[in-house]
Amino acid sequence: MNTIDNAPFLKSFDEHLNENHGVIGTPQRDKFEEKAKAFVLVEMLREERLKAHLTQEQLAEKIGAKKGYISRIESGKTDIQITTLFRIVEKGFGKQLNLSFL
């Protein structure tokens, strides 16, 4: 445990992740990182939908899907296919999606 002048203090975020989700490179940590990235993507989509003043139903109509599918994506209950991601961004939001590999 970290201490300042022998008094305990909060763990760093990295320490928290290592203790609760395993160290980087372990299957447990890889699974956590994958879910975290998916969560961030879903939140970005939801925020963009709200900025566009679209309901889930309106977005679904624009991309040729059902409201329930948009709801499942936003709640993290289903994985989003890359073709759907492009449709949401381009047809739903009228924006361009750029991907890069780092």
PDB file of N, CA and C in Angstrom:
ATOM      1  N   MET A   1       0.851  -1.179   0.000  1.00  0.00           N
ATOM      2  CA  MET A   1       0.000   0.000   0.000  1.00  0.00           C
ATOM      3  C   MET A   1       0.890   1.233   0.000  1.00  0.00           C
ATOM      4  N   ASN A   2       0.522   2.231  -0.774  1.00  0.00           N
ATOM      5  CA  ASN A   2       1.255   3.492  -0.794  1.00  0.00           C
ATOM      6  C   ASN A   2       0.980   4.271   0.473  1.00  0.00           C
ATOM      7  N   THR A   3       1.984   4.958   0.948  1.00  0.00           N
ATOM      8  CA  THR A   3       1.797   5.795   2.123  1.00  0.00           C
ATOM      9  C   THR A   3       2.523   7.111   1.954  1.00  0.00           C
ATOM     10  N   ILE A   4       2.013   8.120   2.594  1.00  0.00           N
ATOM     11  CA  ILE A   4       2.692   9.401   2.733  1.00  0.00           C
ATOM     12  C   ILE A   4       2.856   9.597   4.230  1.00  0.00           C
ATOM     13  N   ASP A   5       4.114   9.690   4.661  1.00  0.00           N
ATOM     14  CA  ASP A   5       4.394   9.823   6.104  1.00  0.00           C
ATOM     15  C   ASP A   5       3.676   8.743   6.897  1.00  0.00           C
ATOM     16  N   ASN A   6       3.731   7.509   6.411  1.00  0.00           N
ATOM     17  CA  ASN A   6       3.132   6.346   7.048  1.00  0.00           C
ATOM     18  C   ASN A   6       1.607   6.383   7.117  1.00  0.00           C
ATOM     19  N   ALA A   7       0.973   7.294   6.396  1.00  0.00           N
ATOM     20  CA  ALA A   7      -0.488   7.340   6.351  1.00  0.00           C
ATOM     21  C   ALA A   7      -0.937   6.776   4.996  1.00  0.00           C
ATOM     22  N   PRO A   8      -1.918   5.859   4.994  1.00  0.00           N
ATOM     23  CA  PRO A   8      -2.369   5.293   3.716  1.00  0.00           C
ATOM     24  C   PRO A   8      -3.053   6.349   2.846  1.00  0.00           C
ATOM     25  N   PHE A   9      -2.896   6.199   1.534  1.00  0.00           N
ATOM     26  CA  PHE A   9      -3.621   7.063   0.617  1.00  0.00           C
ATOM     27  C   PHE A   9      -4.113   6.242  -0.564  1.00  0.00           C
ATOM     28  N   LEU A  10      -4.886   6.847  -1.389  1.00  0.00           N
ATOM     29  CA  LEU A  10      -5.501   6.140  -2.495  1.00  0.00           C
ATOM     30  C   LEU A  10      -4.464   5.557  -3.445  1.00  0.00           C
ATOM     31  N   LYS A  11      -4.810   4.433  -4.022  1.00  0.00           N
ATOM     32  CA  LYS A  11      -3.952   3.794  -5.004  1.00  0.00           C
ATOM     33  C   LYS A  11      -4.033   4.568  -6.318  1.00  0.00           C
ATOM     34  N   SER A  12      -2.998   4.430  -7.109  1.00  0.00           N
ATOM     35  CA  SER A  12      -3.040   5.034  -8.438  1.00  0.00           C
ATOM     36  C   SER A  12      -4.036   4.248  -9.290  1.00  0.00           C
ATOM     37  N   PHE A  13      -4.446   4.856 -10.377  1.00  0.00           N
ATOM     38  CA  PHE A  13      -5.385   4.190 -11.268  1.00  0.00           C
ATOM     39  C   PHE A  13      -4.763   2.922 -11.832  1.00  0.00           C
ATOM     40  N   ASP A  14      -3.487   2.988 -12.189  1.00  0.00           N
ATOM     41  CA  ASP A  14      -2.799   1.799 -12.707  1.00  0.00           C
ATOM     42  C   ASP A  14      -2.765   0.675 -11.673  1.00  0.00           C
ATOM     43  N   GLU A  15      -2.509   1.017 -10.421  1.00  0.00           N
ATOM     44  CA  GLU A  15      -2.511  -0.002  -9.366  1.00  0.00           C
ATOM     45  C   GLU A  15      -3.895  -0.616  -9.221  1.00  0.00           C
ATOM     46  N   HIS A  16      -4.911   0.221  -9.278  1.00  0.00           N
ATOM     47  CA  HIS A  16      -6.288  -0.265  -9.185  1.00  0.00           C
ATOM     48  C   HIS A  16      -6.585  -1.240 -10.326  1.00  0.00           C
ATOM     49  N   LEU A  17      -6.224  -0.848 -11.549  1.00  0.00           N
ATOM     50  CA  LEU A  17      -6.459  -1.726 -12.692  1.00  0.00           C
ATOM     51  C   LEU A  17      -5.712  -3.043 -12.542  1.00  0.00           C
ATOM     52  N   ASN A  18      -4.464  -2.977 -12.156  1.00  0.00           N
ATOM     53  CA  ASN A  18      -3.662  -4.192 -11.994  1.00  0.00           C
ATOM     54  C   ASN A  18      -4.257  -5.137 -10.961  1.00  0.00           C
ATOM     55  N   GLU A  19      -4.720  -4.594  -9.862  1.00  0.00           N
ATOM     56  CA  GLU A  19      -5.281  -5.427  -8.793  1.00  0.00           C
ATOM     57  C   GLU A  19      -6.644  -6.006  -9.167  1.00  0.00           C
ATOM     58  N   ASN A  20      -7.457  -5.216  -9.852  1.00  0.00           N
ATOM     59  CA  ASN A  20      -8.827  -5.637 -10.123  1.00  0.00           C
ATOM     60  C   ASN A  20      -9.027  -6.303 -11.475  1.00  0.00           C
ATOM     61  N   HIS A  21      -8.115  -6.057 -12.412  1.00  0.00           N
ATOM     62  CA  HIS A  21      -8.311  -6.575 -13.766  1.00  0.00           C
ATOM     63  C   HIS A  21      -7.069  -7.258 -14.327  1.00  0.00           C
ATOM     64  N   GLY A  22      -6.051  -7.441 -13.503  1.00  0.00           N
ATOM     65  CA  GLY A  22      -4.827  -8.083 -13.949  1.00  0.00           C
ATOM     66  C   GLY A  22      -3.873  -7.088 -14.589  1.00  0.00           C
ATOM     67  N   VAL A  23      -2.636  -7.498 -14.722  1.00  0.00           N
ATOM     68  CA  VAL A  23      -1.635  -6.622 -15.324  1.00  0.00           C
ATOM     69  C   VAL A  23      -1.777  -6.648 -16.839  1.00  0.00           C
ATOM     70  N   ILE A  24      -1.237  -5.626 -17.476  1.00  0.00           N
ATOM     71  CA  ILE A  24      -1.296  -5.514 -18.934  1.00  0.00           C
ATOM     72  C   ILE A  24      -0.717  -6.775 -19.566  1.00  0.00           C
ATOM     73  N   GLY A  25      -1.438  -7.297 -20.541  1.00  0.00           N
ATOM     74  CA  GLY A  25      -0.990  -8.483 -21.255  1.00  0.00           C
ATOM     75  C   GLY A  25      -1.621  -9.780 -20.791  1.00  0.00           C
ATOM     76  N   THR A  26      -2.312  -9.747 -19.645  1.00  0.00           N
ATOM     77  CA  THR A  26      -2.988 -10.960 -19.177  1.00  0.00           C
ATOM     78  C   THR A  26      -4.352 -11.051 -19.843  1.00  0.00           C
ATOM     79  N   PRO A  27      -4.875 -12.260 -20.013  1.00  0.00           N
ATOM     80  CA  PRO A  27      -6.199 -12.401 -20.637  1.00  0.00           C
ATOM     81  C   PRO A  27      -7.288 -11.608 -19.908  1.00  0.00           C
ATOM     82  N   GLN A  28      -7.221 -11.594 -18.583  1.00  0.00           N
ATOM     83  CA  GLN A  28      -8.223 -10.867 -17.796  1.00  0.00           C
ATOM     84  C   GLN A  28      -8.161  -9.370 -18.108  1.00  0.00           C
ATOM     85  N   ARG A  29      -6.965  -8.809 -18.178  1.00  0.00           N
ATOM     86  CA  ARG A  29      -6.811  -7.377 -18.461  1.00  0.00           C
ATOM     87  C   ARG A  29      -7.197  -7.076 -19.906  1.00  0.00           C
ATOM     88  N   ASP A  30      -6.820  -7.961 -20.841  1.00  0.00           N
ATOM     89  CA  ASP A  30      -7.177  -7.762 -22.240  1.00  0.00           C
ATOM     90  C   ASP A  30      -8.697  -7.688 -22.408  1.00  0.00           C
ATOM     91  N   LYS A  31      -9.409  -8.564 -21.716  1.00  0.00           N
ATOM     92  CA  LYS A  31     -10.876  -8.571 -21.791  1.00  0.00           C
ATOM     93  C   LYS A  31     -11.441  -7.264 -21.234  1.00  0.00           C
ATOM     94  N   PHE A  32     -10.889  -6.810 -20.106  1.00  0.00           N
ATOM     95  CA  PHE A  32     -11.333  -5.554 -19.517  1.00  0.00           C
ATOM     96  C   PHE A  32     -11.087  -4.387 -20.475  1.00  0.00           C
ATOM     97  N   GLU A  33      -9.895  -4.331 -21.060  1.00  0.00           N
ATOM     98  CA  GLU A  33      -9.544  -3.241 -21.983  1.00  0.00           C
ATOM     99  C   GLU A  33     -10.472  -3.233 -23.199  1.00  0.00           C
ATOM    100  N   GLU A  34     -10.794  -4.417 -23.698  1.00  0.00           N
ATOM    101  CA  GLU A  34     -11.694  -4.526 -24.847  1.00  0.00           C
ATOM    102  C   GLU A  34     -13.071  -3.968 -24.504  1.00  0.00           C
ATOM    103  N   LYS A  35     -13.581  -4.337 -23.342  1.00  0.00           N
ATOM    104  CA  LYS A  35     -14.892  -3.839 -22.912  1.00  0.00           C
ATOM    105  C   LYS A  35     -14.861  -2.329 -22.669  1.00  0.00           C
ATOM    106  N   ALA A  36     -13.756  -1.831 -22.123  1.00  0.00           N
ATOM    107  CA  ALA A  36     -13.637  -0.397 -21.861  1.00  0.00           C
ATOM    108  C   ALA A  36     -13.646   0.392 -23.159  1.00  0.00           C
ATOM    109  N   LYS A  37     -12.944  -0.097 -24.172  1.00  0.00           N
ATOM    110  CA  LYS A  37     -12.916   0.587 -25.463  1.00  0.00           C
ATOM    111  C   LYS A  37     -14.296   0.568 -26.121  1.00  0.00           C
ATOM    112  N   ALA A  38     -14.992  -0.550 -26.007  1.00  0.00           N
ATOM    113  CA  ALA A  38     -16.340  -0.644 -26.566  1.00  0.00           C
ATOM    114  C   ALA A  38     -17.273   0.341 -25.857  1.00  0.00           C
ATOM    115  N   PHE A  39     -17.132   0.460 -24.539  1.00  0.00           N
ATOM    116  CA  PHE A  39     -17.943   1.402 -23.769  1.00  0.00           C
ATOM    117  C   PHE A  39     -17.710   2.833 -24.240  1.00  0.00           C
ATOM    118  N   VAL A  40     -16.452   3.193 -24.460  1.00  0.00           N
ATOM    119  CA  VAL A  40     -16.123   4.547 -24.913  1.00  0.00           C
ATOM    120  C   VAL A  40     -16.749   4.814 -26.276  1.00  0.00           C
ATOM    121  N   LEU A  41     -16.655   3.860 -27.182  1.00  0.00           N
ATOM    122  CA  LEU A  41     -17.246   4.028 -28.508  1.00  0.00           C
ATOM    123  C   LEU A  41     -18.757   4.228 -28.413  1.00  0.00           C
ATOM    124  N   VAL A  42     -19.406   3.423 -27.612  1.00  0.00           N
ATOM    125  CA  VAL A  42     -20.862   3.523 -27.443  1.00  0.00           C
ATOM    126  C   VAL A  42     -21.239   4.881 -26.855  1.00  0.00           C
ATOM    127  N   GLU A  43     -20.475   5.355 -25.890  1.00  0.00           N
ATOM    128  CA  GLU A  43     -20.761   6.661 -25.289  1.00  0.00           C
ATOM    129  C   GLU A  43     -20.568   7.779 -26.308  1.00  0.00           C
ATOM    130  N   MET A  44     -19.548   7.656 -27.158  1.00  0.00           N
ATOM    131  CA  MET A  44     -19.324   8.654 -28.199  1.00  0.00           C
ATOM    132  C   MET A  44     -20.506   8.695 -29.164  1.00  0.00           C
ATOM    133  N   LEU A  45     -21.003   7.528 -29.538  1.00  0.00           N
ATOM    134  CA  LEU A  45     -22.154   7.470 -30.440  1.00  0.00           C
ATOM    135  C   LEU A  45     -23.397   8.068 -29.799  1.00  0.00           C
ATOM    136  N   ARG A  46     -23.632   7.715 -28.543  1.00  0.00           N
ATOM    137  CA  ARG A  46     -24.806   8.244 -27.838  1.00  0.00           C
ATOM    138  C   ARG A  46     -24.722   9.770 -27.724  1.00  0.00           C
ATOM    139  N   GLU A  47     -23.550  10.277 -27.351  1.00  0.00           N
ATOM    140  CA  GLU A  47     -23.378  11.724 -27.225  1.00  0.00           C
ATOM    141  C   GLU A  47     -23.578  12.423 -28.572  1.00  0.00           C
ATOM    142  N   GLU A  48     -23.071  11.816 -29.631  1.00  0.00           N
ATOM    143  CA  GLU A  48     -23.236  12.407 -30.965  1.00  0.00           C
ATOM    144  C   GLU A  48     -24.703  12.403 -31.379  1.00  0.00           C
ATOM    145  N   ARG A  49     -25.423  11.338 -31.039  1.00  0.00           N
ATOM    146  CA  ARG A  49     -26.854  11.281 -31.341  1.00  0.00           C
ATOM    147  C   ARG A  49     -27.589  12.403 -30.617  1.00  0.00           C
ATOM    148  N   LEU A  50     -27.247  12.600 -29.359  1.00  0.00           N
ATOM    149  CA  LEU A  50     -27.900  13.654 -28.584  1.00  0.00           C
ATOM    150  C   LEU A  50     -27.557  15.037 -29.123  1.00  0.00           C
ATOM    151  N   LYS A  51     -26.298  15.235 -29.536  1.00  0.00           N
ATOM    152  CA  LYS A  51     -25.894  16.516 -30.129  1.00  0.00           C
ATOM    153  C   LYS A  51     -26.664  16.791 -31.418  1.00  0.00           C
ATOM    154  N   ALA A  52     -26.974  15.734 -32.149  1.00  0.00           N
ATOM    155  CA  ALA A  52     -27.727  15.864 -33.403  1.00  0.00           C
ATOM    156  C   ALA A  52     -29.224  16.013 -33.144  1.00  0.00           C
ATOM    157  N   HIS A  53     -29.621  15.990 -31.878  1.00  0.00           N
ATOM    158  CA  HIS A  53     -31.029  16.101 -31.483  1.00  0.00           C
ATOM    159  C   HIS A  53     -31.875  15.004 -32.124  1.00  0.00           C
ATOM    160  N   LEU A  54     -31.331  13.792 -32.126  1.00  0.00           N
ATOM    161  CA  LEU A  54     -32.047  12.641 -32.668  1.00  0.00           C
ATOM    162  C   LEU A  54     -32.449  11.696 -31.547  1.00  0.00           C
ATOM    163  N   THR A  55     -33.649  11.168 -31.645  1.00  0.00           N
ATOM    164  CA  THR A  55     -34.035  10.088 -30.738  1.00  0.00           C
ATOM    165  C   THR A  55     -33.442   8.795 -31.297  1.00  0.00           C
ATOM    166  N   GLN A  56     -33.474   7.756 -30.500  1.00  0.00           N
ATOM    167  CA  GLN A  56     -33.021   6.458 -30.995  1.00  0.00           C
ATOM    168  C   GLN A  56     -33.861   6.039 -32.196  1.00  0.00           C
ATOM    169  N   GLU A  57     -35.149   6.303 -32.129  1.00  0.00           N
ATOM    170  CA  GLU A  57     -36.047   5.940 -33.225  1.00  0.00           C
ATOM    171  C   GLU A  57     -35.715   6.714 -34.503  1.00  0.00           C
ATOM    172  N   GLN A  58     -35.438   7.999 -34.379  1.00  0.00           N
ATOM    173  CA  GLN A  58     -35.100   8.800 -35.552  1.00  0.00           C
ATOM    174  C   GLN A  58     -33.781   8.333 -36.175  1.00  0.00           C
ATOM    175  N   LEU A  59     -32.805   8.043 -35.334  1.00  0.00           N
ATOM    176  CA  LEU A  59     -31.533   7.542 -35.847  1.00  0.00           C
ATOM    177  C   LEU A  59     -31.737   6.212 -36.561  1.00  0.00           C
ATOM    178  N   ALA A  60     -32.509   5.345 -35.948  1.00  0.00           N
ATOM    179  CA  ALA A  60     -32.781   4.039 -36.556  1.00  0.00           C
ATOM    180  C   ALA A  60     -33.419   4.204 -37.932  1.00  0.00           C
ATOM    181  N   GLU A  61     -34.384   5.097 -38.051  1.00  0.00           N
ATOM    182  CA  GLU A  61     -35.032   5.351 -39.344  1.00  0.00           C
ATOM    183  C   GLU A  61     -34.027   5.804 -40.390  1.00  0.00           C
ATOM    184  N   LYS A  62     -33.120   6.696 -39.983  1.00  0.00           N
ATOM    185  CA  LYS A  62     -32.143   7.244 -40.927  1.00  0.00           C
ATOM    186  C   LYS A  62     -31.192   6.178 -41.475  1.00  0.00           C
ATOM    187  N   ILE A  63     -30.932   5.144 -40.675  1.00  0.00           N
ATOM    188  CA  ILE A  63     -29.960   4.133 -41.111  1.00  0.00           C
ATOM    189  C   ILE A  63     -30.616   2.816 -41.523  1.00  0.00           C
ATOM    190  N   GLY A  64     -31.936   2.780 -41.487  1.00  0.00           N
ATOM    191  CA  GLY A  64     -32.639   1.567 -41.888  1.00  0.00           C
ATOM    192  C   GLY A  64     -32.570   0.445 -40.876  1.00  0.00           C
ATOM    193  N   ALA A  65     -32.661   0.810 -39.618  1.00  0.00           N
ATOM    194  CA  ALA A  65     -32.621  -0.185 -38.534  1.00  0.00           C
ATOM    195  C   ALA A  65     -33.838   0.023 -37.638  1.00  0.00           C
ATOM    196  N   LYS A  66     -33.933  -0.798 -36.617  1.00  0.00           N
ATOM    197  CA  LYS A  66     -35.023  -0.663 -35.647  1.00  0.00           C
ATOM    198  C   LYS A  66     -34.509   0.044 -34.400  1.00  0.00           C
ATOM    199  N   LYS A  67     -35.408   0.751 -33.734  1.00  0.00           N
ATOM    200  CA  LYS A  67     -35.055   1.476 -32.513  1.00  0.00           C
ATOM    201  C   LYS A  67     -34.421   0.542 -31.496  1.00  0.00           C
ATOM    202  N   GLY A  68     -34.958  -0.670 -31.379  1.00  0.00           N
ATOM    203  CA  GLY A  68     -34.436  -1.626 -30.410  1.00  0.00           C
ATOM    204  C   GLY A  68     -32.971  -1.949 -30.633  1.00  0.00           C
ATOM    205  N   TYR A  69     -32.545  -1.945 -31.897  1.00  0.00           N
ATOM    206  CA  TYR A  69     -31.141  -2.220 -32.205  1.00  0.00           C
ATOM    207  C   TYR A  69     -30.260  -1.079 -31.712  1.00  0.00           C
ATOM    208  N   ILE A  70     -30.688   0.153 -31.948  1.00  0.00           N
ATOM    209  CA  ILE A  70     -29.934   1.314 -31.459  1.00  0.00           C
ATOM    210  C   ILE A  70     -29.882   1.276 -29.933  1.00  0.00           C
ATOM    211  N   SER A  71     -30.984   0.941 -29.316  1.00  0.00           N
ATOM    212  CA  SER A  71     -31.041   0.841 -27.859  1.00  0.00           C
ATOM    213  C   SER A  71     -30.067  -0.216 -27.337  1.00  0.00           C
ATOM    214  N   ARG A  72     -30.027  -1.373 -28.000  1.00  0.00           N
ATOM    215  CA  ARG A  72     -29.109  -2.443 -27.572  1.00  0.00           C
ATOM    216  C   ARG A  72     -27.651  -2.030 -27.750  1.00  0.00           C
ATOM    217  N   ILE A  73     -27.357  -1.292 -28.824  1.00  0.00           N
ATOM    218  CA  ILE A  73     -25.988  -0.795 -29.025  1.00  0.00           C
ATOM    219  C   ILE A  73     -25.627   0.158 -27.898  1.00  0.00           C
ATOM    220  N   GLU A  74     -26.503   1.130 -27.637  1.00  0.00           N
ATOM    221  CA  GLU A  74     -26.212   2.150 -26.625  1.00  0.00           C
ATOM    222  C   GLU A  74     -26.153   1.590 -25.214  1.00  0.00           C
ATOM    223  N   SER A  75     -26.821   0.502 -24.967  1.00  0.00           N
ATOM    224  CA  SER A  75     -26.777  -0.092 -23.624  1.00  0.00           C
ATOM    225  C   SER A  75     -25.665  -1.136 -23.502  1.00  0.00           C
ATOM    226  N   GLY A  76     -24.940  -1.357 -24.603  1.00  0.00           N
ATOM    227  CA  GLY A  76     -23.839  -2.317 -24.570  1.00  0.00           C
ATOM    228  C   GLY A  76     -24.278  -3.759 -24.606  1.00  0.00           C
ATOM    229  N   LYS A  77     -25.522  -4.000 -24.983  1.00  0.00           N
ATOM    230  CA  LYS A  77     -26.045  -5.370 -24.995  1.00  0.00           C
ATOM    231  C   LYS A  77     -25.777  -6.098 -26.299  1.00  0.00           C
ATOM    232  N   THR A  78     -25.280  -5.370 -27.301  1.00  0.00           N
ATOM    233  CA  THR A  78     -24.915  -6.007 -28.560  1.00  0.00           C
ATOM    234  C   THR A  78     -23.683  -5.323 -29.111  1.00  0.00           C
ATOM    235  N   ASP A  79     -22.880  -6.082 -29.818  1.00  0.00           N
ATOM    236  CA  ASP A  79     -21.720  -5.513 -30.484  1.00  0.00           C
ATOM    237  C   ASP A  79     -22.176  -4.829 -31.762  1.00  0.00           C
ATOM    238  N   ILE A  80     -21.483  -3.779 -32.119  1.00  0.00           N
ATOM    239  CA  ILE A  80     -21.823  -3.056 -33.329  1.00  0.00           C
ATOM    240  C   ILE A  80     -20.951  -3.561 -34.475  1.00  0.00           C
ATOM    241  N   GLN A  81     -21.573  -3.828 -35.598  1.00  0.00           N
ATOM    242  CA  GLN A  81     -20.817  -4.231 -36.780  1.00  0.00           C
ATOM    243  C   GLN A  81     -20.215  -2.992 -37.423  1.00  0.00           C
ATOM    244  N   ILE A  82     -19.084  -3.165 -38.085  1.00  0.00           N
ATOM    245  CA  ILE A  82     -18.400  -2.030 -38.697  1.00  0.00           C
ATOM    246  C   ILE A  82     -19.280  -1.347 -39.744  1.00  0.00           C
ATOM    247  N   THR A  83     -20.060  -2.132 -40.494  1.00  0.00           N
ATOM    248  CA  THR A  83     -20.945  -1.524 -41.493  1.00  0.00           C
ATOM    249  C   THR A  83     -22.016  -0.662 -40.829  1.00  0.00           C
ATOM    250  N   THR A  84     -22.501  -1.101 -39.686  1.00  0.00           N
ATOM    251  CA  THR A  84     -23.494  -0.323 -38.940  1.00  0.00           C
ATOM    252  C   THR A  84     -22.860   0.937 -38.387  1.00  0.00           C
ATOM    253  N   LEU A  85     -21.639   0.829 -37.909  1.00  0.00           N
ATOM    254  CA  LEU A  85     -20.933   2.002 -37.387  1.00  0.00           C
ATOM    255  C   LEU A  85     -20.818   3.060 -38.482  1.00  0.00           C
ATOM    256  N   PHE A  86     -20.416   2.649 -39.681  1.00  0.00           N
ATOM    257  CA  PHE A  86     -20.315   3.595 -40.785  1.00  0.00           C
ATOM    258  C   PHE A  86     -21.674   4.196 -41.127  1.00  0.00           C
ATOM    259  N   ARG A  87     -22.731   3.387 -41.153  1.00  0.00           N
ATOM    260  CA  ARG A  87     -24.069   3.905 -41.456  1.00  0.00           C
ATOM    261  C   ARG A  87     -24.517   4.923 -40.421  1.00  0.00           C
ATOM    262  N   ILE A  88     -24.273   4.615 -39.155  1.00  0.00           N
ATOM    263  CA  ILE A  88     -24.671   5.542 -38.089  1.00  0.00           C
ATOM    264  C   ILE A  88     -23.962   6.881 -38.258  1.00  0.00           C
ATOM    265  N   VAL A  89     -22.652   6.823 -38.435  1.00  0.00           N
ATOM    266  CA  VAL A  89     -21.877   8.062 -38.520  1.00  0.00           C
ATOM    267  C   VAL A  89     -22.196   8.831 -39.802  1.00  0.00           C
ATOM    268  N   GLU A  90     -22.210   8.121 -40.921  1.00  0.00           N
ATOM    269  CA  GLU A  90     -22.356   8.814 -42.201  1.00  0.00           C
ATOM    270  C   GLU A  90     -23.808   9.152 -42.541  1.00  0.00           C
ATOM    271  N   LYS A  91     -24.696   8.190 -42.449  1.00  0.00           N
ATOM    272  CA  LYS A  91     -26.104   8.458 -42.781  1.00  0.00           C
ATOM    273  C   LYS A  91     -26.852   9.078 -41.611  1.00  0.00           C
ATOM    274  N   GLY A  92     -26.576   8.590 -40.417  1.00  0.00           N
ATOM    275  CA  GLY A  92     -27.292   9.076 -39.243  1.00  0.00           C
ATOM    276  C   GLY A  92     -26.863  10.458 -38.798  1.00  0.00           C
ATOM    277  N   PHE A  93     -25.534  10.691 -38.781  1.00  0.00           N
ATOM    278  CA  PHE A  93     -25.022  11.967 -38.288  1.00  0.00           C
ATOM    279  C   PHE A  93     -24.547  12.893 -39.397  1.00  0.00           C
ATOM    280  N   GLY A  94     -24.450  12.357 -40.632  1.00  0.00           N
ATOM    281  CA  GLY A  94     -23.970  13.175 -41.736  1.00  0.00           C
ATOM    282  C   GLY A  94     -22.512  13.559 -41.599  1.00  0.00           C
ATOM    283  N   LYS A  95     -21.738  12.687 -40.978  1.00  0.00           N
ATOM    284  CA  LYS A  95     -20.313  12.949 -40.766  1.00  0.00           C
ATOM    285  C   LYS A  95     -19.493  11.853 -41.421  1.00  0.00           C
ATOM    286  N   GLN A  96     -18.191  12.059 -41.428  1.00  0.00           N
ATOM    287  CA  GLN A  96     -17.285  11.077 -41.994  1.00  0.00           C
ATOM    288  C   GLN A  96     -16.550  10.366 -40.864  1.00  0.00           C
ATOM    289  N   LEU A  97     -16.406   9.062 -40.994  1.00  0.00           N
ATOM    290  CA  LEU A  97     -15.685   8.274 -40.003  1.00  0.00           C
ATOM    291  C   LEU A  97     -14.307   7.950 -40.555  1.00  0.00           C
ATOM    292  N   ASN A  98     -13.278   8.274 -39.801  1.00  0.00           N
ATOM    293  CA  ASN A  98     -11.900   7.949 -40.163  1.00  0.00           C
ATOM    294  C   ASN A  98     -11.346   6.998 -39.119  1.00  0.00           C
ATOM    295  N   LEU A  99     -10.739   5.938 -39.577  1.00  0.00           N
ATOM    296  CA  LEU A  99     -10.095   4.975 -38.687  1.00  0.00           C
ATOM    297  C   LEU A  99      -8.598   5.033 -38.894  1.00  0.00           C
ATOM    298  N   SER A 100      -7.841   4.832 -37.835  1.00  0.00           N
ATOM    299  CA  SER A 100      -6.390   4.721 -37.979  1.00  0.00           C
ATOM    300  C   SER A 100      -5.882   3.614 -37.077  1.00  0.00           C
ATOM    301  N   PHE A 101      -4.798   3.059 -37.487  1.00  0.00           N
ATOM    302  CA  PHE A 101      -4.126   2.013 -36.716  1.00  0.00           C
ATOM    303  C   PHE A 101      -2.873   2.601 -36.112  1.00  0.00           C
ATOM    304  N   LEU A 102      -2.724   2.447 -34.833  1.00  0.00           N
ATOM    305  CA  LEU A 102      -1.554   3.016 -34.139  1.00  0.00           C
ATOM    306  C   LEU A 102      -0.583   1.921 -33.762  1.00  0.00           C
TER     307      LEU A 102
END
